[in-house]
């Protein structure tokens, strides 16, 4: 490490990576208590991806490593971010695939996987352009602008998929509340689901807005980029609400 390379734990990426690692341990502990259901894997997987992505981001954008190595690290970081950010939606997916039937199930699955395909495609395109940006010396402002524009569509799509899941979940809870003896239980489930999914959709919308003002690659150098870093921190913390 050269003298010009920032110390890892002096940057927010180290803290965000540590949050991911901590959430993995929390998730495994909680899942062990409740016999490790499939839904409990979601916060563990997305938190592990969070830890990997932020560590690789430091290597790709803050070290003096060979440019090809940094481009490869950036590509794997983008894949890990895809798992982290799109993976959060699978919490609702696991629940809904167990409770939806017939037409509503077909409609939900069709829309969900279409949006996942859109999100994945956008992230792969970002991955390719960002790798070219790094190999080209990180000086092409047109490429950076393209990356920012693609992120707007990416985060907006994530917000849309969360809203979609919220609609189907709340409709199901609403129906179950009126047909159940324990109305208070389903009222609680509806409120908690509303809060979780509304917060996640809000994070997606906030990141779509703030990322459009990025002027540097993976650096918080303006108010908008600092707000984006704040929104991403909330996203990293979100798996705790799923446990």
C-alpha atoms as a PDB file:
ATOM      1  CA  UNK A   1       0.000   0.000   0.000  1.00  0.00           C
ATOM      2  CA  UNK A   2       1.460   3.336  -1.023  1.00  0.00           C
ATOM      3  CA  UNK A   3       1.417   6.404   1.200  1.00  0.00           C
ATOM      4  CA  UNK A   4      -1.282   7.963  -1.011  1.00  0.00           C
ATOM      5  CA  UNK A   5      -3.718   5.061  -0.515  1.00  0.00           C
ATOM      6  CA  UNK A   6      -6.314   5.851   2.180  1.00  0.00           C
ATOM      7  CA  UNK A   7      -6.370   3.546   5.193  1.00  0.00           C
ATOM      8  CA  UNK A   8      -9.285   1.119   4.811  1.00  0.00           C
ATOM      9  CA  UNK A   9     -11.077   1.948   8.069  1.00  0.00           C
ATOM     10  CA  UNK A  10     -10.782   5.668   7.445  1.00  0.00           C
ATOM     11  CA  UNK A  11     -13.378   5.285   4.664  1.00  0.00           C
ATOM     12  CA  UNK A  12     -17.097   4.587   4.877  1.00  0.00           C
ATOM     13  CA  UNK A  13     -16.767   1.482   2.679  1.00  0.00           C
ATOM     14  CA  UNK A  14     -15.020  -0.329   5.530  1.00  0.00           C
ATOM     15  CA  UNK A  15     -17.823   0.543   7.950  1.00  0.00           C
ATOM     16  CA  UNK A  16     -20.498  -0.543   5.464  1.00  0.00           C
ATOM     17  CA  UNK A  17     -18.653  -3.811   4.863  1.00  0.00           C
ATOM     18  CA  UNK A  18     -18.453  -4.383   8.614  1.00  0.00           C
ATOM     19  CA  UNK A  19     -22.204  -3.759   8.914  1.00  0.00           C
ATOM     20  CA  UNK A  20     -22.726  -6.480   6.316  1.00  0.00           C
ATOM     21  CA  UNK A  21     -20.492  -8.944   8.173  1.00  0.00           C
ATOM     22  CA  UNK A  22     -22.252  -8.177  11.466  1.00  0.00           C
ATOM     23  CA  UNK A  23     -25.666  -8.698   9.882  1.00  0.00           C
ATOM     24  CA  UNK A  24     -24.521 -12.084   8.567  1.00  0.00           C
ATOM     25  CA  UNK A  25     -23.678 -13.215  12.101  1.00  0.00           C
ATOM     26  CA  UNK A  26     -26.963 -11.815  13.444  1.00  0.00           C
ATOM     27  CA  UNK A  27     -28.903 -13.530  10.668  1.00  0.00           C
ATOM     28  CA  UNK A  28     -27.252 -16.903  11.244  1.00  0.00           C
ATOM     29  CA  UNK A  29     -27.920 -16.614  14.989  1.00  0.00           C
ATOM     30  CA  UNK A  30     -31.603 -15.783  14.489  1.00  0.00           C
ATOM     31  CA  UNK A  31     -32.046 -18.405  11.766  1.00  0.00           C
ATOM     32  CA  UNK A  32     -30.510 -21.046  14.024  1.00  0.00           C
ATOM     33  CA  UNK A  33     -33.111 -20.309  16.684  1.00  0.00           C
ATOM     34  CA  UNK A  34     -36.043 -20.705  14.262  1.00  0.00           C
ATOM     35  CA  UNK A  35     -34.695 -23.779  12.380  1.00  0.00           C
ATOM     36  CA  UNK A  36     -33.313 -21.778   9.432  1.00  0.00           C
ATOM     37  CA  UNK A  37     -36.385 -21.198   7.221  1.00  0.00           C
ATOM     38  CA  UNK A  38     -35.838 -20.171   3.591  1.00  0.00           C
ATOM     39  CA  UNK A  39     -36.950 -16.596   4.242  1.00  0.00           C
ATOM     40  CA  UNK A  40     -34.201 -16.237   6.865  1.00  0.00           C
ATOM     41  CA  UNK A  41     -31.570 -16.831   4.175  1.00  0.00           C
ATOM     42  CA  UNK A  42     -32.444 -13.572   2.412  1.00  0.00           C
ATOM     43  CA  UNK A  43     -30.962 -11.140   4.989  1.00  0.00           C
ATOM     44  CA  UNK A  44     -27.908 -13.404   5.383  1.00  0.00           C
ATOM     45  CA  UNK A  45     -27.185 -13.568   1.640  1.00  0.00           C
ATOM     46  CA  UNK A  46     -27.741  -9.854   0.963  1.00  0.00           C
ATOM     47  CA  UNK A  47     -25.608  -8.909   3.982  1.00  0.00           C
ATOM     48  CA  UNK A  48     -22.773 -11.151   2.791  1.00  0.00           C
ATOM     49  CA  UNK A  49     -23.016  -9.513  -0.639  1.00  0.00           C
ATOM     50  CA  UNK A  50     -22.932  -6.102   1.060  1.00  0.00           C
ATOM     51  CA  UNK A  51     -19.701  -7.000   2.875  1.00  0.00           C
ATOM     52  CA  UNK A  52     -18.035  -8.269  -0.308  1.00  0.00           C
ATOM     53  CA  UNK A  53     -19.181  -5.379  -2.519  1.00  0.00           C
ATOM     54  CA  UNK A  54     -17.937  -2.635  -0.225  1.00  0.00           C
ATOM     55  CA  UNK A  55     -14.583  -4.307   0.340  1.00  0.00           C
ATOM     56  CA  UNK A  56     -14.079  -4.691  -3.414  1.00  0.00           C
ATOM     57  CA  UNK A  57     -15.171  -1.088  -3.978  1.00  0.00           C
ATOM     58  CA  UNK A  58     -12.282   0.086  -1.793  1.00  0.00           C
ATOM     59  CA  UNK A  59      -9.831  -2.064  -3.751  1.00  0.00           C
ATOM     60  CA  UNK A  60     -11.175  -0.918  -7.133  1.00  0.00           C
ATOM     61  CA  UNK A  61     -11.391   2.829  -6.505  1.00  0.00           C
ATOM     62  CA  UNK A  62      -8.998   3.704  -3.668  1.00  0.00           C
ATOM     63  CA  UNK A  63      -5.862   1.599  -4.149  1.00  0.00           C
ATOM     64  CA  UNK A  64      -2.935   1.850  -6.555  1.00  0.00           C
ATOM     65  CA  UNK A  65      -3.323  -1.739  -7.759  1.00  0.00           C
ATOM     66  CA  UNK A  66      -2.910  -2.578 -11.481  1.00  0.00           C
ATOM     67  CA  UNK A  67      -5.756  -1.156 -13.537  1.00  0.00           C
ATOM     68  CA  UNK A  68      -6.910  -4.562 -14.801  1.00  0.00           C
ATOM     69  CA  UNK A  69      -7.109  -5.874 -11.231  1.00  0.00           C
ATOM     70  CA  UNK A  70      -9.177  -2.867 -10.222  1.00  0.00           C
ATOM     71  CA  UNK A  71     -11.511  -3.310 -13.205  1.00  0.00           C
ATOM     72  CA  UNK A  72     -12.053  -6.961 -12.269  1.00  0.00           C
ATOM     73  CA  UNK A  73     -12.684  -6.003  -8.626  1.00  0.00           C
ATOM     74  CA  UNK A  74     -15.177  -3.368  -9.756  1.00  0.00           C
ATOM     75  CA  UNK A  75     -17.008  -5.948 -11.878  1.00  0.00           C
ATOM     76  CA  UNK A  76     -17.330  -8.381  -8.985  1.00  0.00           C
ATOM     77  CA  UNK A  77     -18.420  -5.503  -6.731  1.00  0.00           C
ATOM     78  CA  UNK A  78     -21.216  -4.681  -9.182  1.00  0.00           C
ATOM     79  CA  UNK A  79     -22.352  -8.313  -9.156  1.00  0.00           C
ATOM     80  CA  UNK A  80     -22.334  -8.306  -5.354  1.00  0.00           C
ATOM     81  CA  UNK A  81     -24.336  -5.055  -5.305  1.00  0.00           C
ATOM     82  CA  UNK A  82     -26.859  -6.681  -7.635  1.00  0.00           C
ATOM     83  CA  UNK A  83     -27.252  -9.565  -5.184  1.00  0.00           C
ATOM     84  CA  UNK A  84     -27.534  -7.150  -2.261  1.00  0.00           C
ATOM     85  CA  UNK A  85     -29.966  -4.647  -3.751  1.00  0.00           C
ATOM     86  CA  UNK A  86     -32.160  -6.904  -5.870  1.00  0.00           C
ATOM     87  CA  UNK A  87     -31.886  -9.665  -3.280  1.00  0.00           C
ATOM     88  CA  UNK A  88     -33.840  -7.656  -0.726  1.00  0.00           C
ATOM     89  CA  UNK A  89     -36.931  -8.124  -2.911  1.00  0.00           C
ATOM     90  CA  UNK A  90     -36.762 -11.899  -2.478  1.00  0.00           C
ATOM     91  CA  UNK A  91     -37.873 -11.557   1.152  1.00  0.00           C
ATOM     92  CA  UNK A  92     -41.363 -10.661  -0.070  1.00  0.00           C
ATOM     93  CA  UNK A  93     -41.029 -13.119  -2.960  1.00  0.00           C
ATOM     94  CA  UNK A  94     -40.493 -16.105  -0.642  1.00  0.00           C
ATOM     95  CA  UNK A  95     -43.562 -15.153   1.402  1.00  0.00           C
ATOM     96  CA  UNK A  96     -45.814 -14.457  -1.579  1.00  0.00           C
ATOM     97  CA  UNK A  97     -44.967 -17.650  -3.453  1.00  0.00           C
ATOM     98  CA  UNK A  98     -46.272 -19.565  -0.442  1.00  0.00           C
ATOM     99  CA  UNK A  99     -49.581 -17.709  -0.108  1.00  0.00           C
ATOM    100  CA  UNK A 100     -50.615 -16.620  -3.612  1.00  0.00           C
ATOM    101  CA  UNK A 101     -52.646 -18.972  -5.801  1.00  0.00           C
ATOM    102  CA  UNK A 102     -54.108 -19.120  -9.303  1.00  0.00           C
ATOM    103  CA  UNK A 103     -54.278 -15.869 -11.280  1.00  0.00           C
ATOM    104  CA  UNK A 104     -52.740 -13.613  -8.631  1.00  0.00           C
ATOM    105  CA  UNK A 105     -49.732 -15.943  -8.376  1.00  0.00           C
ATOM    106  CA  UNK A 106     -49.203 -15.977 -12.158  1.00  0.00           C
ATOM    107  CA  UNK A 107     -49.507 -12.187 -12.400  1.00  0.00           C
ATOM    108  CA  UNK A 108     -47.103 -11.605  -9.518  1.00  0.00           C
ATOM    109  CA  UNK A 109     -44.490 -14.082 -10.762  1.00  0.00           C
ATOM    110  CA  UNK A 110     -44.625 -12.664 -14.300  1.00  0.00           C
ATOM    111  CA  UNK A 111     -44.204  -9.061 -13.160  1.00  0.00           C
ATOM    112  CA  UNK A 112     -41.604  -9.908 -10.520  1.00  0.00           C
ATOM    113  CA  UNK A 113     -39.296 -11.847 -12.840  1.00  0.00           C
ATOM    114  CA  UNK A 114     -39.705  -9.288 -15.608  1.00  0.00           C
ATOM    115  CA  UNK A 115     -38.527  -6.557 -13.230  1.00  0.00           C
ATOM    116  CA  UNK A 116     -35.685  -8.748 -11.938  1.00  0.00           C
ATOM    117  CA  UNK A 117     -34.582  -9.227 -15.556  1.00  0.00           C
ATOM    118  CA  UNK A 118     -34.666  -5.446 -16.109  1.00  0.00           C
ATOM    119  CA  UNK A 119     -32.710  -4.783 -12.904  1.00  0.00           C
ATOM    120  CA  UNK A 120     -30.116  -7.455 -13.733  1.00  0.00           C
ATOM    121  CA  UNK A 121     -29.682  -6.194 -17.292  1.00  0.00           C
ATOM    122  CA  UNK A 122     -29.146  -2.621 -16.121  1.00  0.00           C
ATOM    123  CA  UNK A 123     -26.581  -3.752 -13.543  1.00  0.00           C
ATOM    124  CA  UNK A 124     -24.673  -5.841 -16.087  1.00  0.00           C
ATOM    125  CA  UNK A 125     -24.524  -2.873 -18.467  1.00  0.00           C
ATOM    126  CA  UNK A 126     -23.278  -0.688 -15.587  1.00  0.00           C
ATOM    127  CA  UNK A 127     -20.661  -3.359 -14.814  1.00  0.00           C
ATOM    128  CA  UNK A 128     -19.353  -3.364 -18.391  1.00  0.00           C
ATOM    129  CA  UNK A 129     -19.238   0.412 -18.788  1.00  0.00           C
ATOM    130  CA  UNK A 130     -17.636   0.905 -15.361  1.00  0.00           C
ATOM    131  CA  UNK A 131     -14.918  -1.641 -16.174  1.00  0.00           C
ATOM    132  CA  UNK A 132     -14.181   0.229 -19.419  1.00  0.00           C
ATOM    133  CA  UNK A 133     -14.193   3.506 -17.469  1.00  0.00           C
ATOM    134  CA  UNK A 134     -11.535   2.207 -15.067  1.00  0.00           C
ATOM    135  CA  UNK A 135      -9.383   0.675 -17.812  1.00  0.00           C
ATOM    136  CA  UNK A 136      -9.585   3.986 -19.694  1.00  0.00           C
ATOM    137  CA  UNK A 137      -8.060   5.838 -16.764  1.00  0.00           C
ATOM    138  CA  UNK A 138     -11.287   6.990 -15.055  1.00  0.00           C
ATOM    139  CA  UNK A 139     -11.329  10.238 -17.033  1.00  0.00           C
ATOM    140  CA  UNK A 140     -14.233   9.769 -19.480  1.00  0.00           C
ATOM    141  CA  UNK A 141     -17.018  12.024 -18.162  1.00  0.00           C
ATOM    142  CA  UNK A 142     -19.450  10.764 -20.803  1.00  0.00           C
ATOM    143  CA  UNK A 143     -19.088   7.227 -19.475  1.00  0.00           C
ATOM    144  CA  UNK A 144     -19.598   8.466 -15.917  1.00  0.00           C
ATOM    145  CA  UNK A 145     -22.762  10.296 -16.988  1.00  0.00           C
ATOM    146  CA  UNK A 146     -24.032   7.127 -18.685  1.00  0.00           C
ATOM    147  CA  UNK A 147     -23.359   5.102 -15.535  1.00  0.00           C
ATOM    148  CA  UNK A 148     -25.288   7.634 -13.456  1.00  0.00           C
ATOM    149  CA  UNK A 149     -28.229   7.587 -15.884  1.00  0.00           C
ATOM    150  CA  UNK A 150     -28.362   3.792 -15.822  1.00  0.00           C
ATOM    151  CA  UNK A 151     -28.388   3.867 -12.026  1.00  0.00           C
ATOM    152  CA  UNK A 152     -31.530   6.020 -12.121  1.00  0.00           C
ATOM    153  CA  UNK A 153     -33.359   3.297 -14.046  1.00  0.00           C
ATOM    154  CA  UNK A 154     -31.797   0.629 -11.838  1.00  0.00           C
ATOM    155  CA  UNK A 155     -32.886   2.120  -8.518  1.00  0.00           C
ATOM    156  CA  UNK A 156     -36.297   3.127  -9.879  1.00  0.00           C
ATOM    157  CA  UNK A 157     -36.880  -0.478 -10.960  1.00  0.00           C
ATOM    158  CA  UNK A 158     -35.969  -1.674  -7.468  1.00  0.00           C
ATOM    159  CA  UNK A 159     -38.479   0.787  -5.990  1.00  0.00           C
ATOM    160  CA  UNK A 160     -41.152  -0.455  -8.428  1.00  0.00           C
ATOM    161  CA  UNK A 161     -40.578  -4.109  -7.550  1.00  0.00           C
ATOM    162  CA  UNK A 162     -40.897  -3.285  -3.841  1.00  0.00           C
ATOM    163  CA  UNK A 163     -44.161  -1.432  -4.477  1.00  0.00           C
ATOM    164  CA  UNK A 164     -45.402  -4.427  -6.484  1.00  0.00           C
ATOM    165  CA  UNK A 165     -44.604  -6.813  -3.632  1.00  0.00           C
ATOM    166  CA  UNK A 166     -46.230  -4.446  -1.146  1.00  0.00           C
ATOM    167  CA  UNK A 167     -49.491  -4.394  -3.114  1.00  0.00           C
ATOM    168  CA  UNK A 168     -49.764  -8.189  -3.230  1.00  0.00           C
ATOM    169  CA  UNK A 169     -48.677  -8.676   0.394  1.00  0.00           C
ATOM    170  CA  UNK A 170     -51.039  -6.084   1.820  1.00  0.00           C
ATOM    171  CA  UNK A 171     -53.957  -7.382  -0.260  1.00  0.00           C
ATOM    172  CA  UNK A 172     -53.323 -10.861   1.123  1.00  0.00           C
ATOM    173  CA  UNK A 173     -52.996  -9.632   4.702  1.00  0.00           C
ATOM    174  CA  UNK A 174     -56.142  -7.523   4.323  1.00  0.00           C
ATOM    175  CA  UNK A 175     -58.131 -10.553   3.167  1.00  0.00           C
ATOM    176  CA  UNK A 176     -56.663 -12.758   5.922  1.00  0.00           C
ATOM    177  CA  UNK A 177     -57.397 -10.162   8.599  1.00  0.00           C
ATOM    178  CA  UNK A 178     -61.121 -10.200   7.896  1.00  0.00           C
ATOM    179  CA  UNK A 179     -61.290 -14.000   7.723  1.00  0.00           C
ATOM    180  CA  UNK A 180     -59.201 -14.680  10.825  1.00  0.00           C
ATOM    181  CA  UNK A 181     -60.146 -14.853  14.465  1.00  0.00           C
ATOM    182  CA  UNK A 182     -56.989 -13.037  15.563  1.00  0.00           C
ATOM    183  CA  UNK A 183     -57.599  -9.731  13.796  1.00  0.00           C
ATOM    184  CA  UNK A 184     -54.968  -7.930  15.874  1.00  0.00           C
ATOM    185  CA  UNK A 185     -52.231 -10.247  14.600  1.00  0.00           C
ATOM    186  CA  UNK A 186     -52.956  -9.492  10.953  1.00  0.00           C
ATOM    187  CA  UNK A 187     -53.348  -5.784  11.678  1.00  0.00           C
ATOM    188  CA  UNK A 188     -49.847  -5.879  13.175  1.00  0.00           C
ATOM    189  CA  UNK A 189     -48.501  -7.801  10.172  1.00  0.00           C
ATOM    190  CA  UNK A 190     -50.036  -5.272   7.788  1.00  0.00           C
ATOM    191  CA  UNK A 191     -48.573  -2.296   9.635  1.00  0.00           C
ATOM    192  CA  UNK A 192     -45.106  -3.839   9.935  1.00  0.00           C
ATOM    193  CA  UNK A 193     -45.132  -4.830   6.266  1.00  0.00           C
ATOM    194  CA  UNK A 194     -46.244  -1.353   5.235  1.00  0.00           C
ATOM    195  CA  UNK A 195     -43.379   0.207   7.192  1.00  0.00           C
ATOM    196  CA  UNK A 196     -40.703  -2.183   5.885  1.00  0.00           C
ATOM    197  CA  UNK A 197     -41.688  -2.040   2.242  1.00  0.00           C
ATOM    198  CA  UNK A 198     -42.452   1.682   2.247  1.00  0.00           C
ATOM    199  CA  UNK A 199     -38.987   2.344   3.685  1.00  0.00           C
ATOM    200  CA  UNK A 200     -37.327   0.102   1.105  1.00  0.00           C
ATOM    201  CA  UNK A 201     -39.223   1.751  -1.763  1.00  0.00           C
ATOM    202  CA  UNK A 202     -38.284   5.169  -0.370  1.00  0.00           C
ATOM    203  CA  UNK A 203     -34.607   4.175  -0.302  1.00  0.00           C
ATOM    204  CA  UNK A 204     -34.833   3.091  -3.938  1.00  0.00           C
ATOM    205  CA  UNK A 205     -36.449   6.373  -4.986  1.00  0.00           C
ATOM    206  CA  UNK A 206     -33.978   8.412  -2.925  1.00  0.00           C
ATOM    207  CA  UNK A 207     -31.010   6.640  -4.504  1.00  0.00           C
ATOM    208  CA  UNK A 208     -32.452   7.124  -7.998  1.00  0.00           C
ATOM    209  CA  UNK A 209     -32.616  10.875  -7.347  1.00  0.00           C
ATOM    210  CA  UNK A 210     -29.326  11.390  -5.501  1.00  0.00           C
ATOM    211  CA  UNK A 211     -27.216   9.170  -7.765  1.00  0.00           C
ATOM    212  CA  UNK A 212     -28.094  11.325 -10.765  1.00  0.00           C
ATOM    213  CA  UNK A 213     -25.998  14.135  -9.232  1.00  0.00           C
ATOM    214  CA  UNK A 214     -22.820  12.041  -8.846  1.00  0.00           C
ATOM    215  CA  UNK A 215     -19.793  13.810 -10.324  1.00  0.00           C
ATOM    216  CA  UNK A 216     -17.104  11.303  -9.316  1.00  0.00           C
ATOM    217  CA  UNK A 217     -16.937   7.510  -9.276  1.00  0.00           C
ATOM    218  CA  UNK A 218     -17.733   6.067  -5.829  1.00  0.00           C
ATOM    219  CA  UNK A 219     -16.760   9.217  -3.902  1.00  0.00           C
ATOM    220  CA  UNK A 220     -18.992  11.355  -1.697  1.00  0.00           C
ATOM    221  CA  UNK A 221     -17.822  14.796  -2.829  1.00  0.00           C
ATOM    222  CA  UNK A 222     -21.108  16.731  -2.831  1.00  0.00           C
ATOM    223  CA  UNK A 223     -24.275  17.055  -0.756  1.00  0.00           C
ATOM    224  CA  UNK A 224     -26.209  14.821  -3.167  1.00  0.00           C
ATOM    225  CA  UNK A 225     -23.541  12.102  -3.108  1.00  0.00           C
ATOM    226  CA  UNK A 226     -23.457  12.252   0.698  1.00  0.00           C
ATOM    227  CA  UNK A 227     -27.239  11.830   0.766  1.00  0.00           C
ATOM    228  CA  UNK A 228     -26.813   8.861  -1.564  1.00  0.00           C
ATOM    229  CA  UNK A 229     -24.237   7.364   0.815  1.00  0.00           C
ATOM    230  CA  UNK A 230     -26.710   7.914   3.679  1.00  0.00           C
ATOM    231  CA  UNK A 231     -29.478   6.142   1.728  1.00  0.00           C
ATOM    232  CA  UNK A 232     -27.122   3.270   0.930  1.00  0.00           C
ATOM    233  CA  UNK A 233     -26.196   2.980   4.605  1.00  0.00           C
ATOM    234  CA  UNK A 234     -29.900   2.568   5.422  1.00  0.00           C
ATOM    235  CA  UNK A 235     -30.038  -0.115   2.746  1.00  0.00           C
ATOM    236  CA  UNK A 236     -27.114  -1.940   4.368  1.00  0.00           C
ATOM    237  CA  UNK A 237     -28.871  -1.778   7.739  1.00  0.00           C
ATOM    238  CA  UNK A 238     -32.220  -2.923   6.339  1.00  0.00           C
ATOM    239  CA  UNK A 239     -31.659  -6.707   6.691  1.00  0.00           C
ATOM    240  CA  UNK A 240     -31.903  -6.226  10.477  1.00  0.00           C
ATOM    241  CA  UNK A 241     -35.608  -5.427   9.952  1.00  0.00           C
ATOM    242  CA  UNK A 242     -36.052  -8.766   8.166  1.00  0.00           C
ATOM    243  CA  UNK A 243     -34.697 -10.880  11.012  1.00  0.00           C
END
